[in-house]
Amino acid sequence: MSESQLPPPGTVRRRTTARVLPVRPDGKVLLLHGWDPLKPHTPYWFTIGGGVEDGETVPEAASRELREEVGIVLPADALGAPVATNTIEFEYYGSRIIQRQTFFAVAVDDVDVTFANQEELELQTISAHGWWYGDDLEATGQAAHVTIPGILRQAADAITLRRAS
């Protein structure tokens, strides 16, 4: 979400997002570490992804977000079927966000993560990336939303099944 896309504080914003879960052979999933610009002292781990733009399909948005946020280039048709969908509500920048999310899991080996293509707001509010097992993330209590550890487990299971077939 760029600064120009931030809703005014106190409003409600509904959005559709595409999220990507890169999964290594060991089952760890790539996440980003960041914070709400109004709450910099409360960081959390969250999934790669963002809003679906006008004229874009959900897989196209997922592919774009993966490239922009971490520098992994993968065409939309290589994402496969979604591994999960959900709708969550949370507060960001003083606004209530109601977010419909579609998650894609992708198998990766060694990747060079880069923040070079991030938007200005992302550069200001994302400090690191890390590889996580769902159980380990859950134990930290630092997931951006309570559903994330379970989604990491689903992604790792989906990739394990794809690799086995």
N, C-alpha and C. Protein backbone atom coordinates (compact mmCIF):
# COMPACT_ATOMS: atom_id res chain seq x y z
N MET A 1 0.85 -1.17 0.00
CA MET A 1 0.00 0.00 0.00
C MET A 1 0.90 1.23 0.00
N SER A 2 0.77 2.07 -1.01
CA SER A 2 1.57 3.28 -1.05
C SER A 2 0.91 4.34 -0.18
N GLU A 3 1.68 5.39 0.14
CA GLU A 3 1.12 6.44 0.99
C GLU A 3 -0.13 7.04 0.36
N SER A 4 -0.14 7.18 -0.97
CA SER A 4 -1.31 7.75 -1.64
C SER A 4 -2.53 6.84 -1.53
N GLN A 5 -2.32 5.56 -1.26
CA GLN A 5 -3.42 4.61 -1.13
C GLN A 5 -3.92 4.48 0.30
N LEU A 6 -3.24 5.09 1.25
CA LEU A 6 -3.65 4.98 2.64
C LEU A 6 -4.97 5.72 2.84
N PRO A 7 -5.94 5.05 3.45
CA PRO A 7 -7.20 5.74 3.73
C PRO A 7 -7.01 6.74 4.86
N PRO A 8 -7.84 7.77 4.88
CA PRO A 8 -7.74 8.72 5.99
C PRO A 8 -8.01 8.01 7.32
N PRO A 9 -7.27 8.37 8.38
CA PRO A 9 -7.52 7.75 9.69
C PRO A 9 -8.99 7.84 10.07
N GLY A 10 -9.48 6.77 10.70
CA GLY A 10 -10.86 6.73 11.16
C GLY A 10 -11.84 6.18 10.13
N THR A 11 -11.37 5.85 8.93
CA THR A 11 -12.25 5.32 7.91
C THR A 11 -12.13 3.80 7.84
N VAL A 12 -12.98 3.19 7.03
CA VAL A 12 -12.95 1.75 6.80
C VAL A 12 -12.60 1.54 5.33
N ARG A 13 -11.69 0.63 5.07
CA ARG A 13 -11.30 0.34 3.69
C ARG A 13 -11.42 -1.15 3.45
N ARG A 14 -12.11 -1.51 2.38
CA ARG A 14 -12.20 -2.90 1.95
C ARG A 14 -11.24 -3.08 0.79
N ARG A 15 -10.48 -4.18 0.82
CA ARG A 15 -9.55 -4.42 -0.27
C ARG A 15 -9.37 -5.91 -0.51
N THR A 16 -9.01 -6.23 -1.74
CA THR A 16 -8.70 -7.59 -2.13
C THR A 16 -7.20 -7.66 -2.33
N THR A 17 -6.56 -8.64 -1.71
CA THR A 17 -5.12 -8.77 -1.83
C THR A 17 -4.72 -10.15 -2.33
N ALA A 18 -3.54 -10.16 -2.93
CA ALA A 18 -2.90 -11.40 -3.38
C ALA A 18 -1.63 -11.56 -2.56
N ARG A 19 -1.42 -12.74 -1.99
CA ARG A 19 -0.29 -12.95 -1.10
C ARG A 19 0.48 -14.18 -1.57
N VAL A 20 1.81 -14.14 -1.41
CA VAL A 20 2.65 -15.24 -1.89
C VAL A 20 3.53 -15.75 -0.76
N LEU A 21 3.59 -17.07 -0.66
CA LEU A 21 4.35 -17.74 0.39
C LEU A 21 5.46 -18.56 -0.27
N PRO A 22 6.66 -17.99 -0.43
CA PRO A 22 7.78 -18.77 -0.96
C PRO A 22 8.22 -19.78 0.09
N VAL A 23 8.32 -21.06 -0.30
CA VAL A 23 8.63 -22.15 0.63
C VAL A 23 9.92 -22.83 0.18
N ARG A 24 10.90 -22.88 1.09
CA ARG A 24 12.15 -23.59 0.81
C ARG A 24 11.96 -25.09 0.97
N PRO A 25 12.93 -25.89 0.49
CA PRO A 25 12.83 -27.35 0.66
C PRO A 25 12.71 -27.79 2.12
N ASP A 26 13.25 -27.01 3.07
CA ASP A 26 13.15 -27.38 4.48
C ASP A 26 11.79 -27.02 5.10
N GLY A 27 10.89 -26.43 4.29
CA GLY A 27 9.55 -26.10 4.78
C GLY A 27 9.41 -24.72 5.39
N LYS A 28 10.51 -23.96 5.47
CA LYS A 28 10.41 -22.60 5.99
C LYS A 28 9.85 -21.66 4.92
N VAL A 29 9.07 -20.67 5.38
CA VAL A 29 8.38 -19.74 4.49
C VAL A 29 8.95 -18.34 4.69
N LEU A 30 9.13 -17.63 3.57
CA LEU A 30 9.67 -16.27 3.60
C LEU A 30 8.61 -15.27 4.04
N LEU A 31 8.95 -14.49 5.06
CA LEU A 31 8.06 -13.43 5.57
C LEU A 31 8.83 -12.12 5.63
N LEU A 32 8.08 -11.04 5.78
CA LEU A 32 8.66 -9.71 5.95
C LEU A 32 8.41 -9.23 7.37
N HIS A 33 9.33 -8.42 7.88
CA HIS A 33 9.25 -7.85 9.23
C HIS A 33 9.04 -6.35 9.10
N GLY A 34 7.96 -5.87 9.68
CA GLY A 34 7.68 -4.44 9.56
C GLY A 34 6.70 -3.98 10.61
N TRP A 35 6.10 -2.81 10.37
CA TRP A 35 5.23 -2.20 11.37
C TRP A 35 4.27 -1.22 10.71
N ASP A 36 3.22 -0.90 11.42
CA ASP A 36 2.28 0.15 11.05
C ASP A 36 3.02 1.48 11.24
N PRO A 37 2.94 2.41 10.27
CA PRO A 37 3.66 3.69 10.42
C PRO A 37 3.29 4.46 11.69
N LEU A 38 2.09 4.24 12.23
CA LEU A 38 1.68 4.92 13.46
C LEU A 38 2.11 4.15 14.71
N LYS A 39 2.63 2.92 14.54
CA LYS A 39 3.03 2.08 15.67
C LYS A 39 4.40 1.45 15.42
N PRO A 40 5.43 2.26 15.23
CA PRO A 40 6.75 1.71 14.88
C PRO A 40 7.38 0.84 15.96
N HIS A 41 6.90 0.93 17.20
CA HIS A 41 7.49 0.15 18.29
C HIS A 41 6.77 -1.19 18.49
N THR A 42 5.88 -1.54 17.55
CA THR A 42 5.17 -2.81 17.63
C THR A 42 5.33 -3.55 16.29
N PRO A 43 6.54 -4.06 16.03
CA PRO A 43 6.76 -4.75 14.75
C PRO A 43 6.13 -6.14 14.74
N TYR A 44 5.97 -6.66 13.53
CA TYR A 44 5.37 -7.97 13.35
C TYR A 44 5.89 -8.59 12.05
N TRP A 45 5.65 -9.88 11.89
CA TRP A 45 6.00 -10.63 10.68
C TRP A 45 4.74 -10.80 9.85
N PHE A 46 4.86 -10.58 8.54
CA PHE A 46 3.70 -10.67 7.67
C PHE A 46 4.07 -11.27 6.32
N THR A 47 3.05 -11.67 5.57
CA THR A 47 3.26 -12.33 4.29
C THR A 47 3.49 -11.31 3.18
N ILE A 48 4.17 -11.75 2.15
CA ILE A 48 4.44 -10.94 0.97
C ILE A 48 3.13 -10.78 0.20
N GLY A 49 2.84 -9.57 -0.24
CA GLY A 49 1.64 -9.38 -1.06
C GLY A 49 1.08 -7.99 -0.91
N GLY A 50 0.00 -7.76 -1.62
CA GLY A 50 -0.63 -6.45 -1.58
C GLY A 50 -1.89 -6.42 -2.41
N GLY A 51 -2.40 -5.23 -2.59
CA GLY A 51 -3.68 -5.03 -3.25
C GLY A 51 -3.70 -5.39 -4.72
N VAL A 52 -4.84 -5.93 -5.14
CA VAL A 52 -5.08 -6.21 -6.55
C VAL A 52 -5.50 -4.90 -7.20
N GLU A 53 -4.78 -4.49 -8.24
CA GLU A 53 -5.06 -3.22 -8.91
C GLU A 53 -6.11 -3.41 -9.99
N ASP A 54 -6.76 -2.31 -10.41
CA ASP A 54 -7.77 -2.36 -11.46
C ASP A 54 -7.19 -3.01 -12.71
N GLY A 55 -7.94 -3.94 -13.29
CA GLY A 55 -7.53 -4.60 -14.51
C GLY A 55 -6.57 -5.75 -14.31
N GLU A 56 -6.27 -6.07 -13.07
CA GLU A 56 -5.29 -7.10 -12.75
C GLU A 56 -6.03 -8.31 -12.18
N THR A 57 -5.58 -9.52 -12.52
CA THR A 57 -6.12 -10.72 -11.89
C THR A 57 -5.39 -10.91 -10.55
N VAL A 58 -5.96 -11.76 -9.70
CA VAL A 58 -5.30 -12.05 -8.42
C VAL A 58 -3.92 -12.67 -8.65
N PRO A 59 -3.77 -13.67 -9.54
CA PRO A 59 -2.42 -14.19 -9.78
C PRO A 59 -1.45 -13.15 -10.34
N GLU A 60 -1.92 -12.26 -11.21
CA GLU A 60 -1.05 -11.19 -11.73
C GLU A 60 -0.59 -10.28 -10.60
N ALA A 61 -1.49 -9.95 -9.69
CA ALA A 61 -1.12 -9.10 -8.54
C ALA A 61 -0.10 -9.82 -7.66
N ALA A 62 -0.30 -11.13 -7.45
CA ALA A 62 0.63 -11.90 -6.63
C ALA A 62 2.02 -11.89 -7.25
N SER A 63 2.08 -12.11 -8.55
CA SER A 63 3.37 -12.10 -9.25
C SER A 63 4.05 -10.74 -9.14
N ARG A 64 3.29 -9.66 -9.34
CA ARG A 64 3.83 -8.31 -9.24
C ARG A 64 4.34 -8.01 -7.83
N GLU A 65 3.53 -8.34 -6.83
CA GLU A 65 3.93 -8.07 -5.45
C GLU A 65 5.18 -8.85 -5.06
N LEU A 66 5.29 -10.09 -5.50
CA LEU A 66 6.47 -10.91 -5.21
C LEU A 66 7.72 -10.24 -5.78
N ARG A 67 7.63 -9.73 -7.02
CA ARG A 67 8.75 -9.04 -7.65
C ARG A 67 9.07 -7.72 -6.93
N GLU A 68 8.03 -6.92 -6.64
CA GLU A 68 8.24 -5.61 -6.02
C GLU A 68 8.76 -5.72 -4.60
N GLU A 69 8.21 -6.62 -3.81
CA GLU A 69 8.54 -6.64 -2.39
C GLU A 69 9.82 -7.38 -2.06
N VAL A 70 10.14 -8.45 -2.80
CA VAL A 70 11.35 -9.22 -2.46
C VAL A 70 12.24 -9.57 -3.64
N GLY A 71 11.87 -9.12 -4.86
CA GLY A 71 12.73 -9.33 -6.01
C GLY A 71 12.69 -10.72 -6.62
N ILE A 72 11.69 -11.54 -6.27
CA ILE A 72 11.56 -12.87 -6.87
C ILE A 72 10.66 -12.73 -8.10
N VAL A 73 11.17 -13.11 -9.27
CA VAL A 73 10.42 -13.01 -10.51
C VAL A 73 9.82 -14.36 -10.85
N LEU A 74 8.50 -14.40 -10.90
CA LEU A 74 7.78 -15.63 -11.20
C LEU A 74 6.51 -15.24 -11.94
N PRO A 75 6.28 -15.78 -13.14
CA PRO A 75 5.07 -15.41 -13.89
C PRO A 75 3.80 -15.87 -13.17
N ALA A 76 2.73 -15.14 -13.39
CA ALA A 76 1.45 -15.44 -12.73
C ALA A 76 1.00 -16.87 -12.98
N ASP A 77 1.23 -17.39 -14.19
CA ASP A 77 0.75 -18.74 -14.49
C ASP A 77 1.59 -19.83 -13.84
N ALA A 78 2.67 -19.46 -13.18
CA ALA A 78 3.50 -20.43 -12.46
C ALA A 78 3.12 -20.56 -10.98
N LEU A 79 2.14 -19.78 -10.54
CA LEU A 79 1.77 -19.78 -9.12
C LEU A 79 0.96 -20.99 -8.71
N GLY A 80 0.23 -21.59 -9.64
CA GLY A 80 -0.62 -22.72 -9.30
C GLY A 80 -1.90 -22.26 -8.61
N ALA A 81 -2.64 -23.21 -8.08
CA ALA A 81 -3.90 -22.92 -7.41
C ALA A 81 -3.61 -22.32 -6.03
N PRO A 82 -4.50 -21.44 -5.56
CA PRO A 82 -4.32 -20.90 -4.21
C PRO A 82 -4.33 -22.00 -3.15
N VAL A 83 -3.55 -21.79 -2.07
CA VAL A 83 -3.54 -22.75 -0.97
C VAL A 83 -4.49 -22.34 0.16
N ALA A 84 -4.92 -21.08 0.14
CA ALA A 84 -5.83 -20.60 1.18
C ALA A 84 -6.45 -19.28 0.75
N THR A 85 -7.62 -19.00 1.29
CA THR A 85 -8.24 -17.68 1.17
C THR A 85 -8.88 -17.38 2.52
N ASN A 86 -8.93 -16.12 2.85
CA ASN A 86 -9.64 -15.72 4.07
C ASN A 86 -9.94 -14.24 4.00
N THR A 87 -10.71 -13.78 4.96
CA THR A 87 -10.98 -12.36 5.11
C THR A 87 -10.62 -12.00 6.54
N ILE A 88 -9.80 -10.97 6.68
CA ILE A 88 -9.40 -10.53 8.02
C ILE A 88 -9.74 -9.06 8.19
N GLU A 89 -9.81 -8.64 9.43
CA GLU A 89 -9.99 -7.23 9.76
C GLU A 89 -8.86 -6.84 10.69
N PHE A 90 -8.31 -5.66 10.44
CA PHE A 90 -7.23 -5.15 11.29
C PHE A 90 -7.17 -3.64 11.16
N GLU A 91 -6.38 -3.04 12.03
CA GLU A 91 -6.19 -1.59 11.97
C GLU A 91 -4.81 -1.30 11.39
N TYR A 92 -4.77 -0.34 10.47
CA TYR A 92 -3.50 0.09 9.88
C TYR A 92 -3.61 1.58 9.60
N TYR A 93 -2.65 2.33 10.09
CA TYR A 93 -2.60 3.78 9.87
C TYR A 93 -3.88 4.44 10.36
N GLY A 94 -4.42 3.93 11.48
CA GLY A 94 -5.60 4.53 12.09
C GLY A 94 -6.91 4.21 11.40
N SER A 95 -6.90 3.32 10.42
CA SER A 95 -8.12 2.94 9.70
C SER A 95 -8.39 1.45 9.90
N ARG A 96 -9.66 1.09 9.79
CA ARG A 96 -10.03 -0.31 9.84
C ARG A 96 -9.97 -0.86 8.42
N ILE A 97 -9.23 -1.94 8.25
CA ILE A 97 -9.07 -2.57 6.95
C ILE A 97 -9.80 -3.91 6.98
N ILE A 98 -10.66 -4.13 6.00
CA ILE A 98 -11.31 -5.42 5.81
C ILE A 98 -10.71 -5.98 4.53
N GLN A 99 -9.94 -7.05 4.69
CA GLN A 99 -9.10 -7.52 3.60
C GLN A 99 -9.40 -8.96 3.22
N ARG A 100 -9.80 -9.14 1.96
CA ARG A 100 -10.01 -10.47 1.39
C ARG A 100 -8.67 -10.90 0.80
N GLN A 101 -8.15 -12.05 1.24
CA GLN A 101 -6.81 -12.47 0.86
C GLN A 101 -6.83 -13.82 0.15
N THR A 102 -6.01 -13.92 -0.89
CA THR A 102 -5.78 -15.19 -1.57
C THR A 102 -4.29 -15.48 -1.47
N PHE A 103 -3.95 -16.68 -1.00
CA PHE A 103 -2.56 -17.07 -0.77
C PHE A 103 -2.10 -18.12 -1.78
N PHE A 104 -0.93 -17.88 -2.35
CA PHE A 104 -0.29 -18.83 -3.25
C PHE A 104 1.01 -19.30 -2.60
N ALA A 105 1.29 -20.60 -2.68
CA ALA A 105 2.56 -21.13 -2.19
C ALA A 105 3.43 -21.47 -3.39
N VAL A 106 4.69 -21.07 -3.33
CA VAL A 106 5.62 -21.38 -4.42
C VAL A 106 6.89 -22.00 -3.85
N ALA A 107 7.38 -23.02 -4.54
CA ALA A 107 8.61 -23.68 -4.12
C ALA A 107 9.79 -22.85 -4.59
N VAL A 108 10.73 -22.60 -3.70
CA VAL A 108 11.96 -21.88 -4.04
C VAL A 108 13.14 -22.64 -3.43
N ASP A 109 14.30 -22.41 -3.98
CA ASP A 109 15.52 -22.97 -3.39
C ASP A 109 16.27 -21.80 -2.77
N ASP A 110 17.42 -21.47 -3.29
CA ASP A 110 18.14 -20.30 -2.81
C ASP A 110 17.63 -19.08 -3.55
N VAL A 111 17.20 -18.07 -2.82
CA VAL A 111 16.76 -16.84 -3.46
C VAL A 111 17.52 -15.67 -2.85
N ASP A 112 17.80 -14.70 -3.69
CA ASP A 112 18.41 -13.46 -3.21
C ASP A 112 17.29 -12.45 -3.02
N VAL A 113 16.96 -12.18 -1.76
CA VAL A 113 15.89 -11.24 -1.45
C VAL A 113 16.43 -9.82 -1.60
N THR A 114 15.67 -8.99 -2.30
CA THR A 114 16.05 -7.59 -2.44
C THR A 114 14.83 -6.71 -2.21
N PHE A 115 15.05 -5.58 -1.58
CA PHE A 115 13.99 -4.60 -1.35
C PHE A 115 14.06 -3.46 -2.37
N ALA A 116 14.87 -3.61 -3.42
CA ALA A 116 15.15 -2.54 -4.38
C ALA A 116 13.91 -2.03 -5.11
N ASN A 117 12.88 -2.86 -5.26
CA ASN A 117 11.69 -2.46 -6.02
C ASN A 117 10.52 -2.04 -5.14
N GLN A 118 10.76 -1.91 -3.84
CA GLN A 118 9.67 -1.54 -2.94
C GLN A 118 9.29 -0.07 -3.10
N GLU A 119 8.02 0.21 -2.79
CA GLU A 119 7.53 1.58 -2.78
C GLU A 119 8.08 2.29 -1.53
N GLU A 120 8.02 3.60 -1.54
CA GLU A 120 8.60 4.40 -0.46
C GLU A 120 8.07 4.01 0.92
N LEU A 121 6.75 3.85 1.05
CA LEU A 121 6.17 3.49 2.35
C LEU A 121 6.69 2.13 2.81
N GLU A 122 6.84 1.19 1.88
CA GLU A 122 7.38 -0.13 2.24
C GLU A 122 8.82 0.00 2.72
N LEU A 123 9.60 0.80 2.03
CA LEU A 123 11.00 1.00 2.45
C LEU A 123 11.08 1.59 3.86
N GLN A 124 10.10 2.42 4.21
CA GLN A 124 10.08 3.06 5.53
C GLN A 124 9.54 2.17 6.63
N THR A 125 8.80 1.12 6.28
CA THR A 125 8.11 0.33 7.31
C THR A 125 8.43 -1.17 7.26
N ILE A 126 9.38 -1.58 6.42
CA ILE A 126 9.81 -2.97 6.38
C ILE A 126 11.31 -2.99 6.67
N SER A 127 11.69 -3.73 7.71
CA SER A 127 13.10 -3.69 8.13
C SER A 127 13.89 -4.94 7.75
N ALA A 128 13.21 -6.05 7.50
CA ALA A 128 13.96 -7.30 7.30
C ALA A 128 13.07 -8.35 6.66
N HIS A 129 13.69 -9.45 6.27
CA HIS A 129 12.97 -10.63 5.84
C HIS A 129 13.48 -11.80 6.68
N GLY A 130 12.71 -12.87 6.75
CA GLY A 130 13.13 -14.04 7.51
C GLY A 130 12.37 -15.26 7.05
N TRP A 131 12.96 -16.42 7.31
CA TRP A 131 12.36 -17.70 6.96
C TRP A 131 11.80 -18.34 8.22
N TRP A 132 10.53 -18.75 8.16
CA TRP A 132 9.83 -19.22 9.35
C TRP A 132 9.08 -20.52 9.13
N TYR A 133 9.07 -21.36 10.17
CA TYR A 133 8.11 -22.45 10.29
C TYR A 133 6.90 -21.86 11.00
N GLY A 134 5.70 -22.33 10.66
CA GLY A 134 4.49 -21.83 11.31
C GLY A 134 4.53 -21.96 12.82
N ASP A 135 4.99 -23.12 13.32
CA ASP A 135 5.03 -23.34 14.77
C ASP A 135 5.97 -22.36 15.46
N ASP A 136 7.13 -22.10 14.85
CA ASP A 136 8.10 -21.17 15.46
C ASP A 136 7.55 -19.75 15.49
N LEU A 137 6.90 -19.34 14.39
CA LEU A 137 6.31 -18.00 14.36
C LEU A 137 5.21 -17.87 15.40
N GLU A 138 4.38 -18.90 15.50
CA GLU A 138 3.30 -18.88 16.47
C GLU A 138 3.84 -18.72 17.89
N ALA A 139 4.95 -19.39 18.19
CA ALA A 139 5.55 -19.32 19.52
C ALA A 139 6.05 -17.92 19.87
N THR A 140 6.42 -17.12 18.86
CA THR A 140 6.91 -15.76 19.13
C THR A 140 5.80 -14.78 19.46
N GLY A 141 4.59 -15.07 18.98
CA GLY A 141 3.49 -14.13 19.15
C GLY A 141 3.65 -12.88 18.29
N GLN A 142 4.55 -12.91 17.31
CA GLN A 142 4.82 -11.72 16.50
C GLN A 142 4.26 -11.79 15.08
N ALA A 143 3.30 -12.68 14.84
CA ALA A 143 2.65 -12.71 13.53
C ALA A 143 1.72 -11.51 13.43
N ALA A 144 1.64 -10.91 12.24
CA ALA A 144 0.77 -9.75 12.04
C ALA A 144 -0.69 -10.09 12.30
N HIS A 145 -1.06 -11.34 12.05
CA HIS A 145 -2.43 -11.78 12.29
C HIS A 145 -2.39 -13.23 12.78
N VAL A 146 -3.31 -13.60 13.63
CA VAL A 146 -3.31 -14.93 14.25
C VAL A 146 -3.44 -16.07 13.24
N THR A 147 -3.94 -15.77 12.04
CA THR A 147 -4.10 -16.82 11.02
C THR A 147 -2.80 -17.17 10.31
N ILE A 148 -1.78 -16.34 10.39
CA ILE A 148 -0.57 -16.55 9.59
C ILE A 148 0.16 -17.85 9.90
N PRO A 149 0.41 -18.22 11.14
CA PRO A 149 1.13 -19.49 11.37
C PRO A 149 0.45 -20.70 10.71
N GLY A 150 -0.87 -20.77 10.78
CA GLY A 150 -1.58 -21.87 10.16
C GLY A 150 -1.46 -21.85 8.64
N ILE A 151 -1.47 -20.66 8.07
CA ILE A 151 -1.32 -20.53 6.62
C ILE A 151 0.09 -20.95 6.20
N LEU A 152 1.09 -20.65 7.03
CA LEU A 152 2.45 -21.11 6.73
C LEU A 152 2.50 -22.64 6.71
N ARG A 153 1.83 -23.27 7.66
CA ARG A 153 1.78 -24.74 7.69
C ARG A 153 1.10 -25.28 6.43
N GLN A 154 -0.01 -24.65 6.02
CA GLN A 154 -0.72 -25.08 4.81
C GLN A 154 0.19 -24.94 3.59
N ALA A 155 0.92 -23.85 3.49
CA ALA A 155 1.81 -23.62 2.35
C ALA A 155 2.91 -24.67 2.30
N ALA A 156 3.53 -24.94 3.45
CA ALA A 156 4.60 -25.94 3.49
C ALA A 156 4.07 -27.32 3.11
N ASP A 157 2.88 -27.66 3.61
CA ASP A 157 2.27 -28.95 3.26
C ASP A 157 1.98 -29.03 1.76
N ALA A 158 1.46 -27.96 1.18
CA ALA A 158 1.13 -27.96 -0.25
C ALA A 158 2.38 -28.14 -1.10
N ILE A 159 3.46 -27.49 -0.74
CA ILE A 159 4.71 -27.61 -1.50
C ILE A 159 5.29 -29.00 -1.33
N THR A 160 5.24 -29.55 -0.12
CA THR A 160 5.73 -30.91 0.11
C THR A 160 4.97 -31.90 -0.77
N LEU A 161 3.65 -31.74 -0.86
CA LEU A 161 2.84 -32.62 -1.70
C LEU A 161 3.19 -32.45 -3.17
N ARG A 162 3.39 -31.21 -3.62
CA ARG A 162 3.74 -30.97 -5.03
C ARG A 162 5.09 -31.58 -5.37
N ARG A 163 6.06 -31.47 -4.45
CA ARG A 163 7.38 -32.01 -4.70
C ARG A 163 7.36 -33.54 -4.74
N ALA A 164 6.45 -34.15 -3.96
CA ALA A 164 6.37 -35.61 -3.89
C ALA A 164 5.70 -36.22 -5.11
N SER A 165 4.90 -35.41 -5.82
CA SER A 165 4.17 -35.99 -6.97
C SER A 165 4.92 -35.87 -8.28
